[in-house]
N, C-alpha and C. Protein backbone atom coordinates (compact mmCIF):
# COMPACT_ATOMS: atom_id res chain seq x y z
N MET A 1 94.57 -53.41 -122.91
CA MET A 1 94.54 -54.57 -122.03
C MET A 1 95.13 -55.80 -122.73
N GLY A 2 94.69 -56.06 -123.94
CA GLY A 2 95.15 -57.22 -124.67
C GLY A 2 96.63 -57.15 -124.99
N ARG A 3 97.09 -55.95 -125.30
CA ARG A 3 98.49 -55.76 -125.63
C ARG A 3 99.39 -56.00 -124.41
N SER A 4 99.00 -55.47 -123.27
CA SER A 4 99.81 -55.66 -122.06
C SER A 4 99.82 -57.12 -121.62
N LEU A 5 98.73 -57.82 -121.86
CA LEU A 5 98.68 -59.25 -121.55
C LEU A 5 99.68 -60.02 -122.39
N ILE A 6 99.78 -59.68 -123.64
CA ILE A 6 100.75 -60.33 -124.53
C ILE A 6 102.17 -60.02 -124.08
N VAL A 7 102.42 -58.78 -123.72
CA VAL A 7 103.76 -58.40 -123.25
C VAL A 7 104.12 -59.18 -121.99
N TRP A 8 103.20 -59.26 -121.03
CA TRP A 8 103.44 -60.03 -119.81
C TRP A 8 103.67 -61.50 -120.10
N PHE A 9 102.94 -62.04 -121.05
CA PHE A 9 103.12 -63.44 -121.43
C PHE A 9 104.55 -63.68 -121.90
N PHE A 10 105.06 -62.80 -122.75
CA PHE A 10 106.42 -62.99 -123.26
C PHE A 10 107.48 -62.75 -122.18
N ILE A 11 107.21 -61.87 -121.25
CA ILE A 11 108.14 -61.66 -120.14
C ILE A 11 108.22 -62.92 -119.28
N VAL A 12 107.08 -63.47 -118.93
CA VAL A 12 107.03 -64.70 -118.12
C VAL A 12 107.69 -65.85 -118.88
N LEU A 13 107.40 -65.97 -120.16
CA LEU A 13 107.99 -67.04 -120.98
C LEU A 13 109.51 -66.91 -121.01
N SER A 14 110.02 -65.71 -121.20
CA SER A 14 111.46 -65.49 -121.24
C SER A 14 112.11 -65.85 -119.92
N CYS A 15 111.50 -65.46 -118.82
CA CYS A 15 112.04 -65.78 -117.50
C CYS A 15 112.05 -67.29 -117.25
N THR A 16 110.99 -67.95 -117.69
CA THR A 16 110.89 -69.40 -117.50
C THR A 16 111.97 -70.13 -118.28
N VAL A 17 112.15 -69.76 -119.54
CA VAL A 17 113.18 -70.39 -120.38
C VAL A 17 114.56 -70.13 -119.79
N GLY A 18 114.80 -68.91 -119.34
CA GLY A 18 116.08 -68.57 -118.72
C GLY A 18 116.35 -69.39 -117.48
N ALA A 19 115.34 -69.56 -116.64
CA ALA A 19 115.49 -70.34 -115.40
C ALA A 19 115.78 -71.80 -115.71
N ILE A 20 115.10 -72.36 -116.69
CA ILE A 20 115.32 -73.76 -117.06
C ILE A 20 116.73 -73.95 -117.60
N THR A 21 117.17 -73.04 -118.45
CA THR A 21 118.52 -73.12 -119.02
C THR A 21 119.56 -73.02 -117.92
N TRP A 22 119.38 -72.10 -116.99
CA TRP A 22 120.32 -71.93 -115.89
C TRP A 22 120.37 -73.19 -115.03
N ALA A 23 119.20 -73.76 -114.74
CA ALA A 23 119.14 -74.97 -113.90
C ALA A 23 119.85 -76.13 -114.58
N GLN A 24 119.68 -76.26 -115.89
CA GLN A 24 120.34 -77.36 -116.59
C GLN A 24 121.85 -77.18 -116.57
N ALA A 25 122.31 -75.95 -116.71
CA ALA A 25 123.75 -75.69 -116.72
C ALA A 25 124.36 -75.91 -115.35
N GLN A 26 123.58 -75.81 -114.28
CA GLN A 26 124.09 -75.94 -112.93
C GLN A 26 123.97 -77.35 -112.38
N THR A 27 123.31 -78.24 -113.10
CA THR A 27 123.10 -79.60 -112.62
C THR A 27 124.33 -80.45 -112.89
N PRO A 28 124.97 -80.95 -111.83
CA PRO A 28 126.14 -81.81 -112.04
C PRO A 28 125.77 -83.09 -112.79
N LEU A 29 126.67 -83.54 -113.64
CA LEU A 29 126.47 -84.81 -114.35
C LEU A 29 127.18 -85.91 -113.58
N GLY A 30 126.55 -87.09 -113.55
CA GLY A 30 127.18 -88.26 -112.95
C GLY A 30 128.33 -88.73 -113.82
N GLU A 31 129.10 -89.65 -113.29
CA GLU A 31 130.29 -90.13 -114.01
C GLU A 31 129.94 -90.78 -115.36
N ASP A 32 128.88 -91.58 -115.40
CA ASP A 32 128.48 -92.22 -116.66
C ASP A 32 128.00 -91.19 -117.67
N GLU A 33 127.18 -90.24 -117.21
CA GLU A 33 126.70 -89.18 -118.11
C GLU A 33 127.87 -88.35 -118.63
N CYS A 34 128.81 -88.06 -117.75
CA CYS A 34 129.98 -87.28 -118.13
C CYS A 34 130.79 -88.01 -119.20
N ALA A 35 130.99 -89.31 -119.00
CA ALA A 35 131.74 -90.11 -119.98
C ALA A 35 131.02 -90.13 -121.33
N ASP A 36 129.69 -90.19 -121.31
CA ASP A 36 128.91 -90.18 -122.56
C ASP A 36 129.09 -88.85 -123.30
N VAL A 37 129.04 -87.75 -122.55
CA VAL A 37 129.21 -86.43 -123.17
C VAL A 37 130.63 -86.29 -123.71
N TRP A 38 131.62 -86.78 -122.98
CA TRP A 38 133.01 -86.74 -123.43
C TRP A 38 133.15 -87.46 -124.78
N LYS A 39 132.51 -88.61 -124.89
CA LYS A 39 132.56 -89.37 -126.15
C LYS A 39 131.85 -88.62 -127.27
N LYS A 40 130.68 -88.04 -126.95
CA LYS A 40 129.93 -87.26 -127.95
C LYS A 40 130.75 -86.09 -128.47
N ALA A 41 131.53 -85.50 -127.58
CA ALA A 41 132.35 -84.34 -127.95
C ALA A 41 133.58 -84.74 -128.76
N GLY A 42 133.80 -86.04 -128.87
CA GLY A 42 134.96 -86.52 -129.63
C GLY A 42 136.18 -86.66 -128.75
N GLY A 43 135.95 -86.73 -127.45
CA GLY A 43 137.06 -86.81 -126.51
C GLY A 43 137.89 -88.06 -126.69
N GLY A 44 139.09 -87.85 -127.02
CA GLY A 44 140.07 -88.91 -127.07
C GLY A 44 141.05 -88.56 -125.98
N ARG A 45 142.01 -87.79 -126.37
CA ARG A 45 143.01 -87.34 -125.40
C ARG A 45 142.60 -85.99 -124.81
N ASP A 46 142.30 -85.01 -125.64
CA ASP A 46 141.92 -83.67 -125.20
C ASP A 46 140.83 -83.12 -126.10
N LEU A 47 140.10 -82.10 -125.59
CA LEU A 47 139.10 -81.39 -126.39
C LEU A 47 139.57 -79.97 -126.62
N GLY A 48 139.45 -79.54 -127.88
CA GLY A 48 139.71 -78.15 -128.19
C GLY A 48 138.45 -77.32 -127.99
N PRO A 49 138.55 -76.01 -128.10
CA PRO A 49 137.39 -75.14 -127.90
C PRO A 49 136.20 -75.47 -128.80
N ASP A 50 136.44 -75.78 -130.06
CA ASP A 50 135.34 -76.08 -130.98
C ASP A 50 134.62 -77.38 -130.62
N GLN A 51 135.37 -78.38 -130.19
CA GLN A 51 134.76 -79.65 -129.79
C GLN A 51 133.93 -79.49 -128.51
N ALA A 52 134.42 -78.69 -127.59
CA ALA A 52 133.78 -78.55 -126.29
C ALA A 52 132.60 -77.59 -126.31
N LYS A 53 132.57 -76.67 -127.26
CA LYS A 53 131.58 -75.60 -127.28
C LYS A 53 130.13 -76.04 -127.11
N PRO A 54 129.66 -77.11 -127.76
CA PRO A 54 128.25 -77.48 -127.57
C PRO A 54 127.91 -77.96 -126.15
N PHE A 55 128.92 -78.27 -125.37
CA PHE A 55 128.69 -78.89 -124.07
C PHE A 55 129.08 -78.02 -122.87
N ILE A 56 129.80 -76.95 -123.12
CA ILE A 56 130.19 -76.04 -122.05
C ILE A 56 130.00 -74.59 -122.51
N LYS A 57 129.73 -73.71 -121.56
CA LYS A 57 129.55 -72.30 -121.90
C LYS A 57 130.85 -71.52 -121.81
N ASN A 58 131.72 -71.91 -120.90
CA ASN A 58 132.93 -71.14 -120.67
C ASN A 58 134.15 -72.06 -120.70
N PHE A 59 134.80 -72.11 -121.83
CA PHE A 59 135.96 -72.98 -122.03
C PHE A 59 137.06 -72.68 -121.01
N VAL A 60 137.29 -71.41 -120.75
CA VAL A 60 138.37 -70.99 -119.86
C VAL A 60 138.19 -71.54 -118.45
N GLN A 61 136.94 -71.65 -117.99
CA GLN A 61 136.68 -72.19 -116.66
C GLN A 61 137.15 -73.63 -116.52
N LEU A 62 137.01 -74.41 -117.58
CA LEU A 62 137.41 -75.81 -117.52
C LEU A 62 138.89 -76.03 -117.84
N ASP A 63 139.47 -75.14 -118.63
CA ASP A 63 140.87 -75.27 -119.01
C ASP A 63 141.75 -74.74 -117.86
N VAL A 64 141.81 -75.52 -116.80
CA VAL A 64 142.46 -75.10 -115.56
C VAL A 64 143.95 -74.83 -115.77
N ASP A 65 144.62 -75.68 -116.54
CA ASP A 65 146.06 -75.49 -116.74
C ASP A 65 146.39 -74.50 -117.86
N LYS A 66 145.37 -73.94 -118.48
CA LYS A 66 145.50 -72.88 -119.51
C LYS A 66 146.39 -73.28 -120.68
N ASN A 67 146.26 -74.56 -121.11
CA ASN A 67 147.06 -75.02 -122.24
C ASN A 67 146.28 -75.00 -123.55
N GLY A 68 145.05 -74.49 -123.53
CA GLY A 68 144.27 -74.38 -124.76
C GLY A 68 143.44 -75.60 -125.09
N SER A 69 143.45 -76.60 -124.21
CA SER A 69 142.63 -77.79 -124.41
C SER A 69 142.15 -78.30 -123.05
N ILE A 70 141.10 -79.11 -123.10
CA ILE A 70 140.53 -79.69 -121.89
C ILE A 70 140.81 -81.18 -121.90
N ASP A 71 141.49 -81.66 -120.86
CA ASP A 71 141.73 -83.10 -120.77
C ASP A 71 140.59 -83.75 -119.98
N TRP A 72 140.62 -85.06 -119.89
CA TRP A 72 139.55 -85.81 -119.23
C TRP A 72 139.37 -85.38 -117.78
N GLU A 73 140.45 -85.17 -117.05
CA GLU A 73 140.34 -84.79 -115.63
C GLU A 73 139.68 -83.42 -115.48
N GLU A 74 140.05 -82.48 -116.33
CA GLU A 74 139.42 -81.15 -116.29
C GLU A 74 137.93 -81.25 -116.64
N PHE A 75 137.63 -82.07 -117.64
CA PHE A 75 136.24 -82.26 -118.08
C PHE A 75 135.42 -82.89 -116.96
N LYS A 76 135.97 -83.91 -116.31
CA LYS A 76 135.28 -84.58 -115.21
C LYS A 76 134.99 -83.61 -114.06
N ALA A 77 135.95 -82.76 -113.75
CA ALA A 77 135.75 -81.76 -112.70
C ALA A 77 134.63 -80.79 -113.10
N GLY A 78 134.60 -80.43 -114.38
CA GLY A 78 133.53 -79.57 -114.88
C GLY A 78 132.16 -80.23 -114.77
N CYS A 79 132.11 -81.52 -115.05
CA CYS A 79 130.85 -82.26 -114.90
C CYS A 79 130.37 -82.23 -113.45
N ALA A 80 131.29 -82.48 -112.53
CA ALA A 80 130.95 -82.52 -111.11
C ALA A 80 130.50 -81.17 -110.58
N ASN A 81 130.99 -80.08 -111.20
CA ASN A 81 130.65 -78.74 -110.75
C ASN A 81 129.48 -78.11 -111.53
N GLY A 82 128.85 -78.89 -112.40
CA GLY A 82 127.70 -78.38 -113.14
C GLY A 82 128.04 -77.46 -114.28
N LEU A 83 129.28 -77.54 -114.78
CA LEU A 83 129.72 -76.66 -115.87
C LEU A 83 129.59 -77.32 -117.25
N VAL A 84 129.23 -78.60 -117.27
CA VAL A 84 129.09 -79.35 -118.52
C VAL A 84 127.62 -79.76 -118.67
N THR A 85 127.07 -79.61 -119.88
CA THR A 85 125.71 -80.03 -120.14
C THR A 85 125.72 -81.18 -121.14
N LYS A 86 124.58 -81.80 -121.31
CA LYS A 86 124.47 -82.93 -122.25
C LYS A 86 124.42 -82.47 -123.70
N GLY A 87 124.42 -81.17 -123.91
CA GLY A 87 124.43 -80.64 -125.26
C GLY A 87 123.12 -80.57 -125.84
């Protein structure tokens, strides 16, 4: 009984953490929040994969023009679509 209770506890905990993480990744950022994250990422002209990694899960989704970097317009679109997090 005690062992199965512990197993269920960890299953529920894992599901809860997963749901929270998913919800955060899907929440669109406002323009001010997006600009703050861009600055945190070191955004000047463009962001490379290493700079963007802490703030996005899928670089390819944001790199719309497939040039290997994310510009401000691509990043802003990602913020609006819930693809960018505050890190």
